[in-house]
Amino acid sequence: MNPEIQNLLDQRVGQIAHVLGAVVVTEDGIFRYMSGWTNVAAAPSRDTSAEATRRELGEHLAAMTSSMATLAQRQADYINGGHMLRTVVETEKGWCVASRAGNHCVIAVHASKEATLGQLGFELTDLAGQLGSMLDVEQRELATGEHGGTIL
């Protein structure tokens, strides 16, 4: 994990009004980073420590984010729409907005209903742009085993 990426994510998520949390995943669903979600209720698990609960939430959000982005990209491919830029899910209590971050990752931001969708989209686009090149470098390093990374 790159502390620079985590610090930037934490800083920006903390600055966006009404954001509950964010998750960064690879396009194939591997959980990479998470921020926010300070009031996570314990999920059914043998290990009920706060860190295990956050990790479990991150893994679930990663799978859902990857699936949502993949489905949106398939739709875009089907209609010759180019690359998926953003996917928006509106619920009774809030929003989930996902965007590509670099060439191989997706970031999803979850916010309460009080959030303004336009502002949320703007902030997410800006954050995805900031994280994108950092995530691309990290993915290359992991794939090649540079800097002590593991080969995927």
Foldseek 3Di string as FASTA:
>chain_A
DDVVLQVLQQVLQVVAPQWQKKWKEWLVQHGDYIYHNPPQDADDDPDRDPVVRVVVVSSVVSNVLSVQLVVQQVVCVVVVNPHDAWDWDQDPFWIWIKGAQADTMIMIITGTPPHDPVSVVVSRNVSSPVRHVVVVVVVVCQCVCPPNHHHD
